[in-house]
């Protein structure tokens, strides 16, 4: 557990671990944007 009580979160949609639930949610949003073609070559 970190200083801010963030918990590592796995997301099946992105198939990766994120350092917090908020980061996982944002990662999924970015993945959707990549899938729709709004952004290209997403790197985490």
C-alpha atoms as a PDB file:
ATOM      1  CA  UNK A   1       0.000   0.000   0.000  1.00  0.00           C
ATOM      2  CA  UNK A   2       1.319   3.437  -0.872  1.00  0.00           C
ATOM      3  CA  UNK A   3       1.290   6.726   0.946  1.00  0.00           C
ATOM      4  CA  UNK A   4      -2.013   7.696  -0.682  1.00  0.00           C
ATOM      5  CA  UNK A   5      -3.578   4.269  -0.003  1.00  0.00           C
ATOM      6  CA  UNK A   6      -3.739   3.526  -3.714  1.00  0.00           C
ATOM      7  CA  UNK A   7      -4.008  -0.136  -4.625  1.00  0.00           C
ATOM      8  CA  UNK A   8      -2.550  -1.725  -7.733  1.00  0.00           C
ATOM      9  CA  UNK A   9      -5.387  -2.502 -10.112  1.00  0.00           C
ATOM     10  CA  UNK A  10      -5.551  -5.031 -12.961  1.00  0.00           C
ATOM     11  CA  UNK A  11      -7.692  -4.242 -15.977  1.00  0.00           C
ATOM     12  CA  UNK A  12      -8.654  -6.971 -18.410  1.00  0.00           C
ATOM     13  CA  UNK A  13      -9.524  -4.392 -21.044  1.00  0.00           C
ATOM     14  CA  UNK A  14      -5.939  -3.084 -21.189  1.00  0.00           C
ATOM     15  CA  UNK A  15      -4.405  -6.371 -20.017  1.00  0.00           C
ATOM     16  CA  UNK A  16      -2.040  -4.672 -17.574  1.00  0.00           C
ATOM     17  CA  UNK A  17      -1.555  -3.460 -14.005  1.00  0.00           C
ATOM     18  CA  UNK A  18      -1.960   0.179 -12.994  1.00  0.00           C
ATOM     19  CA  UNK A  19      -0.790   1.816  -9.772  1.00  0.00           C
ATOM     20  CA  UNK A  20      -4.293   2.938  -8.779  1.00  0.00           C
ATOM     21  CA  UNK A  21      -7.942   2.546  -9.675  1.00  0.00           C
ATOM     22  CA  UNK A  22      -8.016   6.076 -11.085  1.00  0.00           C
ATOM     23  CA  UNK A  23      -5.069   5.326 -13.373  1.00  0.00           C
ATOM     24  CA  UNK A  24      -6.752   2.108 -14.515  1.00  0.00           C
ATOM     25  CA  UNK A  25      -9.928   3.995 -15.400  1.00  0.00           C
ATOM     26  CA  UNK A  26      -7.955   6.585 -17.358  1.00  0.00           C
ATOM     27  CA  UNK A  27      -5.984   3.845 -19.086  1.00  0.00           C
ATOM     28  CA  UNK A  28      -9.234   2.268 -20.234  1.00  0.00           C
ATOM     29  CA  UNK A  29     -10.481   5.629 -21.522  1.00  0.00           C
ATOM     30  CA  UNK A  30      -7.276   6.072 -23.520  1.00  0.00           C
ATOM     31  CA  UNK A  31      -7.563   2.522 -24.888  1.00  0.00           C
ATOM     32  CA  UNK A  32     -11.071   3.315 -26.168  1.00  0.00           C
ATOM     33  CA  UNK A  33      -9.735   6.450 -27.869  1.00  0.00           C
ATOM     34  CA  UNK A  34      -7.029   4.382 -29.515  1.00  0.00           C
ATOM     35  CA  UNK A  35      -9.552   1.784 -30.688  1.00  0.00           C
ATOM     36  CA  UNK A  36     -11.786   4.475 -32.234  1.00  0.00           C
ATOM     37  CA  UNK A  37      -8.808   6.042 -34.034  1.00  0.00           C
ATOM     38  CA  UNK A  38      -8.786   9.325 -32.088  1.00  0.00           C
ATOM     39  CA  UNK A  39      -5.232   8.637 -30.903  1.00  0.00           C
ATOM     40  CA  UNK A  40      -2.502   6.412 -32.325  1.00  0.00           C
ATOM     41  CA  UNK A  41       0.329   4.352 -30.845  1.00  0.00           C
ATOM     42  CA  UNK A  42      -0.728   4.502 -27.206  1.00  0.00           C
ATOM     43  CA  UNK A  43       2.191   3.820 -24.859  1.00  0.00           C
ATOM     44  CA  UNK A  44       1.670   3.386 -21.130  1.00  0.00           C
END
